[in-house]
Protein backbone atom coordinates (compact mmCIF):
# COMPACT_ATOMS: atom_id res chain seq x y z
CA MET A 1 -21.76 -11.66 -25.70
CA SER A 2 -25.00 -9.89 -25.60
CA ALA A 3 -26.31 -7.36 -23.37
CA ILE A 4 -28.78 -10.14 -21.80
CA THR A 5 -25.39 -12.46 -20.97
CA ILE A 6 -23.91 -9.59 -19.30
CA GLN A 7 -27.05 -8.87 -17.13
CA GLN A 8 -27.42 -12.36 -16.16
CA MET A 9 -23.93 -12.56 -15.46
CA ALA A 10 -23.65 -8.78 -12.92
CA ASP A 11 -26.95 -10.80 -11.38
CA ARG A 12 -25.59 -14.06 -10.69
CA VAL A 13 -22.75 -12.48 -8.68
CA ALA A 14 -25.47 -10.51 -7.17
CA GLY A 15 -27.31 -12.99 -6.00
CA LEU A 16 -24.23 -15.16 -5.00
CA MET A 17 -23.37 -12.47 -3.01
CA GLU A 18 -26.62 -12.22 -1.34
CA GLU A 19 -26.44 -15.52 -0.24
CA ARG A 20 -22.61 -15.84 0.75
CA LEU A 21 -22.46 -13.43 1.95
CA ARG A 22 -25.61 -11.37 2.96
CA ILE A 23 -24.98 -8.26 1.69
CA ARG A 24 -28.57 -6.77 0.21
CA GLY A 25 -29.17 -4.12 -2.35
CA ALA A 26 -30.67 -4.18 -5.64
CA GLY A 27 -28.12 -4.65 -8.01
CA LEU A 28 -24.58 -5.84 -8.45
CA ALA A 29 -22.92 -2.40 -8.63
CA GLU A 30 -25.80 -1.95 -4.79
CA LYS A 31 -23.99 -3.93 -3.82
CA LEU A 32 -20.78 -3.76 -3.68
CA ARG A 33 -20.74 -0.54 -2.75
CA ARG A 34 -22.56 -1.04 0.47
CA GLY A 35 -20.77 -4.70 1.41
CA GLY A 36 -17.52 -4.51 -1.71
CA ARG A 37 -15.00 -4.04 1.20
CA ARG A 38 -15.94 -7.42 2.35
CA LEU A 39 -14.46 -9.20 -0.56
CA PRO A 40 -10.69 -9.73 -1.53
CA ARG A 41 -8.84 -6.67 -3.56
CA ARG A 42 -8.81 -9.13 -6.96
CA VAL A 43 -12.52 -10.26 -6.30
CA ARG A 44 -13.76 -6.71 -5.57
CA LEU A 45 -11.74 -5.64 -8.77
CA ALA A 46 -13.81 -8.28 -11.14
CA ALA A 47 -17.23 -7.38 -9.81
CA GLU A 48 -16.66 -3.51 -10.08
CA ALA A 49 -15.63 -4.30 -13.86
CA LEU A 50 -18.54 -6.53 -14.07
CA ALA A 51 -21.23 -4.00 -13.22
CA GLU A 52 -19.56 -1.34 -14.73
CA ALA A 53 -19.74 -4.06 -18.47
CA ALA A 54 -23.52 -4.57 -17.30
CA HIS A 55 -24.63 -0.91 -16.92
CA ARG A 56 -22.77 0.11 -20.26
CA SER A 57 -24.31 -2.72 -22.25
CA GLN A 58 -27.22 -1.11 -21.77
CA ASN A 59 -26.40 1.36 -24.60
CA PRO A 60 -25.92 -0.23 -27.61
CA LYS A 61 -23.22 2.17 -28.57
CA LEU A 62 -20.56 1.17 -25.34
CA LEU A 63 -21.58 -2.38 -25.75
CA LEU A 64 -19.88 -2.63 -28.88
CA THR A 65 -16.33 -1.35 -26.92
CA LEU A 66 -16.73 -3.80 -24.52
CA ASP A 67 -14.41 -6.68 -24.17
CA GLU A 68 -15.98 -9.78 -24.18
CA GLY A 69 -12.41 -12.02 -22.90
CA ALA A 70 -11.98 -9.35 -20.10
CA VAL A 71 -15.88 -9.65 -19.41
CA ALA A 72 -15.59 -13.70 -19.19
CA GLU A 73 -12.61 -13.54 -17.18
CA ALA A 74 -14.13 -10.79 -14.61
CA TYR A 75 -16.80 -13.35 -14.49
CA ASP A 76 -14.70 -16.21 -13.85
CA ILE A 77 -13.24 -14.77 -10.26
CA CYS A 78 -16.32 -13.95 -8.76
CA LEU A 79 -17.85 -16.81 -9.57
CA ARG A 80 -14.21 -19.14 -8.07
CA HIS A 81 -14.11 -17.15 -5.35
CA LEU A 82 -18.34 -16.74 -4.73
CA ALA A 83 -19.26 -20.81 -5.54
CA PRO A 84 -20.81 -22.10 -2.83
CA MET A 85 -18.42 -24.97 -0.62
CA GLY A 86 -19.99 -28.20 -0.95
CA ALA A 87 -20.94 -30.27 2.03
CA GLY A 88 -18.05 -32.29 2.78
CA MET A 89 -15.78 -29.35 2.62
CA ARG A 90 -18.70 -27.89 5.37
CA ARG A 91 -18.55 -30.55 7.06
CA ARG A 92 -14.67 -30.80 7.73
CA ASN A 93 -14.80 -26.30 8.50
CA PHE A 94 -17.11 -27.58 11.33
CA VAL A 95 -15.34 -30.26 12.86
CA SER A 96 -12.22 -28.00 12.68
CA SER A 97 -13.29 -25.64 13.65
CA VAL A 98 -15.07 -27.74 16.71
CA VAL A 99 -11.22 -29.35 17.23
CA ALA A 100 -10.09 -25.82 17.51
CA GLN A 101 -12.28 -24.06 20.25
CA VAL A 102 -11.51 -27.29 22.85
CA ALA A 103 -8.12 -27.01 21.53
CA PHE A 104 -8.14 -23.39 23.19
CA GLY A 105 -10.31 -24.19 25.81
CA LEU A 106 -7.69 -27.24 27.47
CA ILE A 107 -4.42 -24.52 26.87
CA VAL A 108 -6.93 -21.65 29.29
CA VAL A 109 -7.26 -24.65 32.04
CA VAL A 110 -4.84 -25.75 31.61
CA ALA A 111 -2.50 -22.44 31.99
CA LEU A 112 -4.93 -21.62 35.11
CA VAL A 113 -4.13 -24.90 36.73
CA ILE A 114 -0.42 -23.85 36.32
CA VAL A 115 -1.20 -20.06 37.52
CA VAL A 116 -3.48 -21.09 40.52
CA ALA A 117 -0.47 -24.39 41.30
CA LYS A 118 1.90 -21.58 40.90
CA LEU A 119 0.33 -18.95 43.98
CA ARG A 120 -0.44 -21.34 45.97
CA GLY A 121 3.53 -22.64 46.68
C-alpha cells in the first residue's frame, strides 16, 4: 500500500467526519482532536490508527513498518460507521421520530387531564 493510498483513506474519513458530524479541521488528526469524542470508542480508535498511519506514511522508512491489514481494517471500521444513510432509511427515521414526538405529547396531555380531573374532584 502506498503513501498516497493511505493519505487518500485518511482524507476520505476526514471528509465523512465533516459531512456527517460537522467537525471542522485541516486533516483527520485535527478533526479527531476537535470532535473525536462524538465517535464510538471503537471507531475513534480506528480513526486514530488511520491518522497515525497517514502521518507515518510520509516517511518512506516508516511506511515499510506499517501493517497494511490493520490500516485497511481501521479504514473499513470508519467507513461502516460514517457512511451516509440511504434516502429510505432517513425517511423511516424521520417518520418514527415524528410518531414518537406525537405519542409523547399525547401521553403528557392525558396525564395533565387526569391530574386536573383529580384536583377538581
